[in-house]
């Protein structure tokens, strides 16, 4: 049987199968092999195994030799050269003004080829850049555009879990990840919580997808109907996939209760089927209600809801003749009309009595006001008469006083004229015929 062994060229890279030929190889040994890019140095990741020829699809390439110390030292020198080439290529990209982000530079083991990995939003015309780099490094130049996932795989980093990224440590290939996986695992659909460093959906969603698919086969969906072993019916409100438990809402009259059960303790009805059953029950209930109303009765469900625990007839169903019904209706109508007339008459009589009392009160008030007005007029005339009398006496006294004052003024005027001639009063002339004027005050007197 043929033998094979697995070789990997970078951390978390793919495994390539080779024919070990009779070499004694162990996991971790470095070997020199030939690839499509040229001669490369890799590391054994799968020990030597014997497999059937049916499993080998293509002829296997042979391992050239086991790496020596010189080969390992030369590989270290290639890593140092790669760092220098990276800086030079970055400067050249800036000089050419290209919109591209350089990620990594890589030499083949024999340095016959130099590869540059970059990312860009669209296609980039880097032909002039390749010519410039070929003139600097004097080797074959190859530029490869990669995606954001490959960029993260090359650069590495820490995830939201705090550990090193899966793609950098152990993932060999990128499996497709969809939003359905997040829904299957009952995760929040917030993009910031289910996206990785690269901005795409986290690869770890795929890791647990099979487990959740297996567990979800036994679990109901939210909104499904659930029936307990005792026959109680409720609705599933939430599920816990990992604990395999279900929360069920039960409604009894006006009370609601949520209880938790093991998933295998209940029997479930799909949401669509449950709604159809509820619709059928509602239609049947409405039909029964209409039939009961036609008979003048109520259904037990309505009695229980309204707090009535026996059937009560709503309509009197005894047969009556038409002429008796009309006669009873006329009697009822006439009796009601008589009662209304009596009530209205009593009301009118009460209103008339109140109106008479109000009119009497208004007449008495008016009469009292007239009496008060006459008294006020008499008082006013008496007051006026007394005032006139008082004014007449005072006028007589005032006339006598004025006459006496005039006599005194004549006698005093003669004396004033004499003083005026002597300069006793300066600044004004005194008229004996006018009313006596007051003497002006000097500044010394004030």
Protein backbone atom coordinates (compact mmCIF):
# COMPACT_ATOMS: atom_id res chain seq x y z
CA UNK A 1 0.00 0.00 0.00
CA UNK A 2 1.29 3.52 -0.80
CA UNK A 3 2.42 5.81 1.98
CA UNK A 4 1.62 9.48 2.39
CA UNK A 5 2.50 12.32 4.74
CA UNK A 6 1.09 15.82 5.24
CA UNK A 7 3.14 19.01 4.82
CA UNK A 8 2.09 22.55 5.77
CA UNK A 9 3.91 25.71 4.62
CA UNK A 10 2.42 28.32 6.99
CA UNK A 11 0.62 28.41 10.32
CA UNK A 12 -3.02 27.33 9.97
CA UNK A 13 -2.42 26.67 6.26
CA UNK A 14 -3.62 23.79 4.16
CA UNK A 15 -2.11 20.32 4.36
CA UNK A 16 -0.51 19.04 1.13
CA UNK A 17 0.16 15.34 0.72
CA UNK A 18 3.52 13.97 -0.46
CA UNK A 19 5.20 10.64 -0.91
CA UNK A 20 7.75 10.21 1.93
CA UNK A 21 9.56 7.42 0.02
CA UNK A 22 11.58 5.62 2.67
CA UNK A 23 12.41 8.65 4.81
CA UNK A 24 12.03 8.50 8.54
CA UNK A 25 9.83 11.56 9.13
CA UNK A 26 8.07 12.72 12.27
CA UNK A 27 5.54 15.45 13.01
CA UNK A 28 7.39 18.77 13.29
CA UNK A 29 10.28 17.91 10.97
CA UNK A 30 11.18 20.43 8.25
CA UNK A 31 11.44 19.14 4.68
CA UNK A 32 12.23 20.58 1.25
CA UNK A 33 9.55 19.89 -1.38
CA UNK A 34 8.64 21.08 -4.85
CA UNK A 35 5.39 23.06 -5.38
CA UNK A 36 3.74 24.90 -8.25
CA UNK A 37 5.48 28.10 -7.08
CA UNK A 38 8.88 26.47 -6.90
CA UNK A 39 11.01 24.87 -4.21
CA UNK A 40 9.60 25.45 -0.71
CA UNK A 41 10.40 24.43 2.84
CA UNK A 42 7.51 23.02 4.86
CA UNK A 43 6.77 21.24 8.11
CA UNK A 44 5.40 17.74 8.64
CA UNK A 45 1.92 17.92 10.22
CA UNK A 46 0.60 14.41 9.47
CA UNK A 47 2.76 11.35 10.20
CA UNK A 48 3.48 8.72 7.57
CA UNK A 49 0.32 6.71 6.84
CA UNK A 50 -0.59 3.84 4.57
CA UNK A 51 -3.69 4.41 2.44
CA UNK A 52 -5.43 2.52 -0.30
CA UNK A 53 -4.82 3.50 -3.91
CA UNK A 54 -8.51 4.35 -4.43
CA UNK A 55 -8.15 7.33 -2.07
CA UNK A 56 -5.22 8.80 -3.99
CA UNK A 57 -6.64 10.82 -6.88
CA UNK A 58 -3.45 12.27 -8.35
CA UNK A 59 0.10 11.04 -8.42
CA UNK A 60 1.93 12.30 -5.35
CA UNK A 61 5.09 14.36 -5.57
CA UNK A 62 8.09 13.17 -3.65
CA UNK A 63 9.81 14.97 -0.80
CA UNK A 64 13.20 16.14 -2.01
CA UNK A 65 15.05 15.90 1.29
CA UNK A 66 14.88 16.55 4.94
CA UNK A 67 15.87 20.13 5.80
CA UNK A 68 19.35 20.60 7.22
CA UNK A 69 20.65 23.35 9.49
CA UNK A 70 21.87 25.23 6.43
CA UNK A 71 18.39 25.10 4.89
CA UNK A 72 16.81 26.37 8.10
CA UNK A 73 19.34 29.23 8.27
CA UNK A 74 18.64 30.13 4.67
CA UNK A 75 14.91 30.22 5.39
CA UNK A 76 15.54 32.65 8.26
CA UNK A 77 17.53 34.84 5.87
CA UNK A 78 14.56 34.81 3.48
CA UNK A 79 12.28 36.10 6.28
CA UNK A 80 14.68 39.00 6.86
CA UNK A 81 14.75 39.80 3.15
CA UNK A 82 10.94 39.74 3.07
CA UNK A 83 10.76 42.53 5.67
CA UNK A 84 13.09 44.71 3.62
CA UNK A 85 11.12 44.01 0.43
CA UNK A 86 7.90 44.95 2.20
CA UNK A 87 9.22 48.43 3.08
CA UNK A 88 10.52 49.02 -0.44
CA UNK A 89 7.24 47.97 -2.03
CA UNK A 90 5.28 50.27 0.31
CA UNK A 91 7.38 53.22 -0.79
CA UNK A 92 6.93 52.33 -4.46
CA UNK A 93 3.16 52.11 -4.03
CA UNK A 94 3.18 55.58 -2.50
CA UNK A 95 5.34 56.93 -5.31
CA UNK A 96 2.97 55.54 -7.97
CA UNK A 97 -0.08 56.83 -6.07
CA UNK A 98 -1.94 53.50 -6.12
CA UNK A 99 -4.94 52.91 -3.84
CA UNK A 100 -3.89 49.55 -2.42
CA UNK A 101 -2.91 48.24 1.00
CA UNK A 102 0.15 45.99 1.14
CA UNK A 103 -0.31 43.03 3.50
CA UNK A 104 2.69 40.75 3.17
CA UNK A 105 5.80 39.98 1.11
CA UNK A 106 6.94 36.38 0.65
CA UNK A 107 10.06 34.82 -0.93
CA UNK A 108 10.21 31.26 -2.22
CA UNK A 109 12.91 29.09 -0.67
CA UNK A 110 15.24 29.41 -3.69
CA UNK A 111 14.39 33.16 -4.07
CA UNK A 112 13.37 32.71 -7.71
CA UNK A 113 10.05 34.44 -7.02
CA UNK A 114 8.89 37.29 -4.77
CA UNK A 115 5.16 37.52 -4.00
CA UNK A 116 3.33 40.57 -2.65
CA UNK A 117 -0.18 40.27 -1.15
CA UNK A 118 -2.42 43.35 -1.04
CA UNK A 119 -6.03 44.41 -0.60
CA UNK A 120 -7.97 47.07 -2.54
CA UNK A 121 -11.58 48.17 -3.00
CA UNK A 122 -11.51 47.52 -6.73
CA UNK A 123 -9.18 46.54 -9.54
CA UNK A 124 -5.77 48.19 -9.57
CA UNK A 125 -3.49 48.71 -12.57
CA UNK A 126 -0.10 47.82 -11.11
CA UNK A 127 1.82 47.03 -14.29
CA UNK A 128 4.20 49.94 -13.90
CA UNK A 129 4.70 48.98 -10.26
CA UNK A 130 5.68 45.42 -11.23
CA UNK A 131 8.29 46.73 -13.71
CA UNK A 132 9.72 49.03 -11.09
CA UNK A 133 9.94 46.25 -8.47
CA UNK A 134 11.50 43.82 -10.95
CA UNK A 135 14.24 46.36 -11.64
CA UNK A 136 14.95 46.67 -7.94
CA UNK A 137 14.90 43.00 -6.81
CA UNK A 138 16.14 41.37 -10.06
CA UNK A 139 13.74 38.44 -9.70
CA UNK A 140 10.29 37.42 -10.78
CA UNK A 141 7.59 39.61 -9.16
CA UNK A 142 4.02 38.54 -8.52
CA UNK A 143 1.24 40.65 -6.92
CA UNK A 144 -1.90 38.95 -5.57
CA UNK A 145 -5.07 40.66 -4.39
CA UNK A 146 -6.71 38.96 -1.40
CA UNK A 147 -9.91 39.52 0.59
CA UNK A 148 -10.52 40.84 4.09
CA UNK A 149 -10.70 37.35 5.57
CA UNK A 150 -7.34 36.37 4.13
CA UNK A 151 -5.91 39.67 5.37
CA UNK A 152 -7.05 38.90 8.91
CA UNK A 153 -5.66 35.39 8.64
CA UNK A 154 -2.23 36.76 7.66
CA UNK A 155 -2.08 39.61 10.19
CA UNK A 156 -3.78 37.79 13.11
CA UNK A 157 -5.28 39.39 16.20
CA UNK A 158 -7.62 38.78 19.16
CA UNK A 159 -11.31 38.05 18.91
CA UNK A 160 -14.14 39.29 21.15
CA UNK A 161 -13.69 36.12 23.22
CA UNK A 162 -10.19 37.30 24.20
CA UNK A 163 -8.35 34.49 22.41
CA UNK A 164 -6.29 34.53 19.25
CA UNK A 165 -8.29 34.41 16.04
CA UNK A 166 -9.42 30.96 14.92
CA UNK A 167 -8.33 31.60 11.32
CA UNK A 168 -4.81 32.38 12.52
CA UNK A 169 -4.48 29.37 14.83
CA UNK A 170 -6.22 26.32 13.39
CA UNK A 171 -8.74 27.08 10.60
CA UNK A 172 -7.42 25.84 7.29
CA UNK A 173 -10.32 26.90 5.05
CA UNK A 174 -13.03 29.54 5.31
CA UNK A 175 -16.41 27.84 5.50
CA UNK A 176 -19.47 29.83 4.35
CA UNK A 177 -21.33 31.48 7.24
CA UNK A 178 -24.91 32.79 7.00
CA UNK A 179 -27.24 34.78 9.23
CA UNK A 180 -29.44 31.68 9.49
CA UNK A 181 -26.80 30.12 11.75
CA UNK A 182 -27.12 33.02 14.20
CA UNK A 183 -30.91 32.61 14.22
CA UNK A 184 -30.54 28.87 14.73
CA UNK A 185 -28.39 29.49 17.82
CA UNK A 186 -30.85 32.10 19.17
CA UNK A 187 -28.21 34.86 19.08
CA UNK A 188 -28.71 38.60 18.86
CA UNK A 189 -28.80 39.78 15.25
CA UNK A 190 -26.85 42.94 16.12
CA UNK A 191 -24.02 43.09 13.52
CA UNK A 192 -21.51 44.37 16.07
CA UNK A 193 -22.02 41.26 18.21
CA UNK A 194 -21.89 38.55 15.56
CA UNK A 195 -19.20 40.05 13.31
CA UNK A 196 -15.49 39.31 13.61
CA UNK A 197 -12.39 41.48 13.26
CA UNK A 198 -12.61 41.26 9.50
CA UNK A 199 -16.15 42.71 9.52
CA UNK A 200 -17.75 39.49 8.30
CA UNK A 201 -19.83 37.00 10.28
CA UNK A 202 -17.73 35.15 12.83
CA UNK A 203 -16.35 31.82 11.66
CA UNK A 204 -17.12 30.26 15.05
CA UNK A 205 -20.84 30.35 14.18
CA UNK A 206 -20.12 27.45 11.89
CA UNK A 207 -18.33 25.47 14.62
CA UNK A 208 -21.48 24.90 16.71
CA UNK A 209 -23.99 24.79 13.88
CA UNK A 210 -24.26 21.00 13.82
CA UNK A 211 -24.81 20.81 17.59
CA UNK A 212 -27.58 23.39 17.51
CA UNK A 213 -29.22 21.72 14.53
CA UNK A 214 -29.34 18.47 16.46
CA UNK A 215 -30.72 20.09 19.62
CA UNK A 216 -33.31 22.16 17.74
CA UNK A 217 -34.87 19.05 16.27
CA UNK A 218 -36.41 18.32 19.69
CA UNK A 219 -37.40 21.90 20.47
CA UNK A 220 -40.58 23.75 19.46
CA UNK A 221 -40.75 27.24 17.99
CA UNK A 222 -41.98 30.35 19.77
CA UNK A 223 -45.74 30.62 19.39
CA UNK A 224 -46.34 26.86 19.08
CA UNK A 225 -49.09 25.32 21.15
CA UNK A 226 -48.11 23.07 24.07
CA UNK A 227 -50.19 20.49 25.97
CA UNK A 228 -49.17 19.06 29.32
CA UNK A 229 -49.73 15.53 30.57
CA UNK A 230 -52.73 16.83 32.59
CA UNK A 231 -54.36 18.22 29.44
CA UNK A 232 -53.65 21.92 30.00
CA UNK A 233 -53.09 23.92 26.83
CA UNK A 234 -50.75 26.89 26.53
CA UNK A 235 -48.44 28.77 24.19
CA UNK A 236 -44.65 28.51 24.05
CA UNK A 237 -43.11 31.91 24.95
CA UNK A 238 -39.38 31.10 25.16
CA UNK A 239 -36.97 28.20 24.77
CA UNK A 240 -33.55 27.34 26.19
CA UNK A 241 -31.77 25.20 23.63
CA UNK A 242 -28.77 24.11 25.69
CA UNK A 243 -30.81 23.28 28.81
CA UNK A 244 -33.61 21.78 26.71
CA UNK A 245 -36.32 23.64 28.63
CA UNK A 246 -39.48 25.41 27.47
CA UNK A 247 -41.49 28.26 29.05
CA UNK A 248 -45.26 27.97 28.45
CA UNK A 249 -47.93 30.64 29.00
CA UNK A 250 -51.28 29.45 30.38
CA UNK A 251 -54.39 31.67 30.38
CA UNK A 252 -57.26 30.87 32.73
CA UNK A 253 -60.12 33.38 32.70
CA UNK A 254 -58.39 36.69 33.51
CA UNK A 255 -55.20 35.19 34.98
CA UNK A 256 -51.96 34.38 33.15
CA UNK A 257 -49.24 32.05 34.35
CA UNK A 258 -45.85 31.05 32.89
CA UNK A 259 -44.36 27.70 33.81
CA UNK A 260 -41.16 25.96 32.74
CA UNK A 261 -41.06 22.35 31.58
CA UNK A 262 -38.57 19.92 30.16
CA UNK A 263 -38.86 19.82 26.38
CA UNK A 264 -39.77 16.11 26.28
CA UNK A 265 -42.59 16.48 28.87
CA UNK A 266 -44.94 18.29 26.50
CA UNK A 267 -46.67 17.65 23.21
CA UNK A 268 -46.56 20.46 20.68
CA UNK A 269 -48.80 21.84 17.96
CA UNK A 270 -47.22 23.96 15.21
CA UNK A 271 -48.07 27.65 15.25
CA UNK A 272 -50.01 27.53 12.00
CA UNK A 273 -52.04 24.51 13.05
CA UNK A 274 -52.69 26.07 16.48
CA UNK A 275 -54.06 29.26 14.88
CA UNK A 276 -56.29 27.26 12.57
CA UNK A 277 -57.65 25.34 15.56
CA UNK A 278 -58.30 28.58 17.47
CA UNK A 279 -60.05 30.04 14.46
CA UNK A 280 -62.26 26.94 14.18
CA UNK A 281 -63.11 27.14 17.90
CA UNK A 282 -64.03 30.82 17.57
CA UNK A 283 -66.30 30.08 14.61
CA UNK A 284 -67.98 27.22 16.47
CA UNK A 285 -68.47 29.43 19.55
CA UNK A 286 -70.04 32.19 17.46
CA UNK A 287 -72.35 29.69 15.81
CA UNK A 288 -73.47 28.33 19.20
CA UNK A 289 -74.00 31.87 20.48
CA UNK A 290 -76.25 32.70 17.51
CA UNK A 291 -78.26 29.50 17.96
CA UNK A 292 -78.69 30.22 21.69
CA UNK A 293 -79.79 33.78 20.98
CA UNK A 294 -82.40 32.48 18.55
CA UNK A 295 -83.77 30.30 21.37
CA UNK A 296 -83.61 33.19 23.84
CA UNK A 297 -80.81 31.60 25.87
CA UNK A 298 -77.11 32.15 26.54
CA UNK A 299 -74.23 29.74 26.19
CA UNK A 300 -72.31 28.52 29.29
CA UNK A 301 -69.11 30.25 28.18
CA UNK A 302 -70.76 33.66 28.20
CA UNK A 303 -72.52 32.95 31.51
CA UNK A 304 -69.22 32.04 33.10
CA UNK A 305 -67.54 35.12 31.68
CA UNK A 306 -70.32 37.41 32.93
CA UNK A 307 -70.52 35.73 36.33
CA UNK A 308 -73.89 34.01 35.65
CA UNK A 309 -73.99 30.32 36.46
CA UNK A 310 -77.38 29.36 35.04
CA UNK A 311 -79.21 29.82 31.80
CA UNK A 312 -81.46 32.87 31.84
CA UNK A 313 -84.06 33.48 29.16
CA UNK A 314 -83.63 36.78 27.42
CA UNK A 315 -86.92 36.83 25.45
CA UNK A 316 -90.37 35.66 26.55
CA UNK A 317 -91.24 32.92 24.11
CA UNK A 318 -94.87 32.11 25.13
CA UNK A 319 -97.17 32.38 22.11
CA UNK A 320 -99.49 35.41 22.02
CA UNK A 321 -102.24 36.50 19.64
CA UNK A 322 -101.61 39.59 17.59
CA UNK A 323 -104.75 41.47 18.81
CA UNK A 324 -103.82 40.81 22.44
CA UNK A 325 -100.32 42.11 21.87
CA UNK A 326 -101.64 45.28 20.22
CA UNK A 327 -104.14 45.83 23.04
CA UNK A 328 -101.47 45.41 25.69
CA UNK A 329 -99.19 47.79 23.85
CA UNK A 330 -101.99 50.42 23.65
CA UNK A 331 -102.77 50.05 27.34
CA UNK A 332 -99.14 50.40 28.25
CA UNK A 333 -98.84 53.45 26.03
CA UNK A 334 -101.93 55.18 27.50
CA UNK A 335 -100.84 54.38 31.06
CA UNK A 336 -97.40 55.82 30.41
CA UNK A 337 -98.92 58.93 28.82
CA UNK A 338 -101.20 59.46 31.86
CA UNK A 339 -98.29 59.09 34.23
CA UNK A 340 -96.26 61.57 32.21
CA UNK A 341 -99.16 64.08 32.26
CA UNK A 342 -99.53 63.77 36.02
CA UNK A 343 -95.83 64.27 36.57
CA UNK A 344 -95.80 67.27 34.23
CA UNK A 345 -98.87 68.82 35.93
CA UNK A 346 -97.35 68.47 39.38
CA UNK A 347 -94.19 70.01 38.10
CA UNK A 348 -96.12 72.96 36.53
CA UNK A 349 -98.09 73.57 39.75
CA UNK A 350 -94.91 73.70 41.73
CA UNK A 351 -93.44 76.15 39.24
CA UNK A 352 -96.56 78.41 39.41
CA UNK A 353 -96.40 78.50 43.21
CA UNK A 354 -92.77 79.52 43.08
CA UNK A 355 -93.52 82.22 40.49
CA UNK A 356 -96.30 83.73 42.68
CA UNK A 357 -94.02 83.86 45.68
CA UNK A 358 -91.32 85.53 43.63
CA UNK A 359 -93.77 88.16 42.30
CA UNK A 360 -95.00 88.98 45.83
CA UNK A 361 -91.45 89.40 47.01
CA UNK A 362 -90.66 91.73 44.14
CA UNK A 363 -93.81 93.89 44.89
CA UNK A 364 -92.92 94.21 48.58
CA UNK A 365 -89.37 95.19 47.73
CA UNK A 366 -90.57 97.84 45.30
CA UNK A 367 -92.99 99.31 47.89
CA UNK A 368 -90.28 99.48 50.54
CA UNK A 369 -87.97 101.17 48.08
CA UNK A 370 -90.64 103.81 47.29
CA UNK A 371 -91.11 104.56 50.98
CA UNK A 372 -87.40 104.91 51.45
CA UNK A 373 -87.25 107.27 48.45
CA UNK A 374 -89.98 109.54 49.88
CA UNK A 375 -88.24 109.67 53.23
CA UNK A 376 -84.98 110.53 51.52
CA UNK A 377 -86.65 113.41 49.62
CA UNK A 378 -88.17 114.84 52.80
CA UNK A 379 -84.84 114.62 54.56
CA UNK A 380 -83.17 116.31 51.65
CA UNK A 381 -85.68 119.24 51.68
CA UNK A 382 -85.31 119.71 55.44
CA UNK A 383 -81.54 119.79 55.09
CA UNK A 384 -81.74 122.36 52.32
CA UNK A 385 -84.09 124.53 54.38
CA UNK A 386 -81.77 124.49 57.37
CA UNK A 387 -78.82 125.35 55.18
CA UNK A 388 -80.66 128.35 53.71
CA UNK A 389 -81.55 129.60 57.14
CA UNK A 390 -78.01 129.25 58.31
CA UNK A 391 -76.70 131.05 55.26
CA UNK A 392 -79.17 133.97 55.72
CA UNK A 393 -78.01 134.64 59.29
CA UNK A 394 -74.38 134.46 58.33
CA UNK A 395 -74.87 136.87 55.41
CA UNK A 396 -76.44 139.48 57.72
CA UNK A 397 -73.47 139.19 60.06
CA UNK A 398 -71.04 139.41 57.17
CA UNK A 399 -72.62 142.66 55.92
CA UNK A 400 -72.25 144.29 59.31
CA UNK A 401 -68.66 143.11 59.54
CA UNK A 402 -67.81 144.54 56.13
CA UNK A 403 -69.33 147.89 57.07
CA UNK A 404 -67.25 148.11 60.25
CA UNK A 405 -64.10 147.11 58.39
CA UNK A 406 -64.56 149.88 55.84
CA UNK A 407 -64.83 152.49 58.55
CA UNK A 408 -61.64 151.26 60.16
CA UNK A 409 -59.89 151.21 56.81
CA UNK A 410 -60.64 154.89 56.19
CA UNK A 411 -59.18 155.90 59.50
CA UNK A 412 -56.07 153.83 59.00
CA UNK A 413 -55.62 155.04 55.41
CA UNK A 414 -54.96 158.57 56.52
CA UNK A 415 -52.18 157.43 58.76
CA UNK A 416 -50.71 155.30 55.98
CA UNK A 417 -50.63 158.28 53.59
CA UNK A 418 -48.67 160.24 56.08
CA UNK A 419 -46.21 157.44 56.53
CA UNK A 420 -46.04 156.97 52.76
CA UNK A 421 -45.03 160.60 52.34
CA UNK A 422 -42.32 160.13 54.92
CA UNK A 423 -41.14 156.98 53.08
CA UNK A 424 -42.42 154.54 55.68
CA UNK A 425 -43.79 152.16 52.98
CA UNK A 426 -41.68 151.80 49.89
CA UNK A 427 -42.29 149.51 46.96
CA UNK A 428 -46.10 149.76 46.67
CA UNK A 429 -48.93 152.30 46.63
CA UNK A 430 -51.95 151.86 48.88
CA UNK A 431 -55.47 152.41 47.54
CA UNK A 432 -57.93 153.36 50.28
CA UNK A 433 -60.90 152.38 48.16
CA UNK A 434 -59.73 148.78 47.58
CA UNK A 435 -59.72 145.96 50.04
CA UNK A 436 -56.94 146.10 52.65
CA UNK A 437 -53.83 144.29 51.56
CA UNK A 438 -51.49 142.46 53.94
CA UNK A 439 -48.17 143.95 54.83
CA UNK A 440 -45.23 142.25 53.09
CA UNK A 441 -42.73 140.54 55.35
CA UNK A 442 -39.09 141.55 55.49
CA UNK A 443 -36.30 139.00 55.18
CA UNK A 444 -35.37 139.69 58.78
CA UNK A 445 -38.86 138.85 59.98
CA UNK A 446 -38.98 135.53 58.09
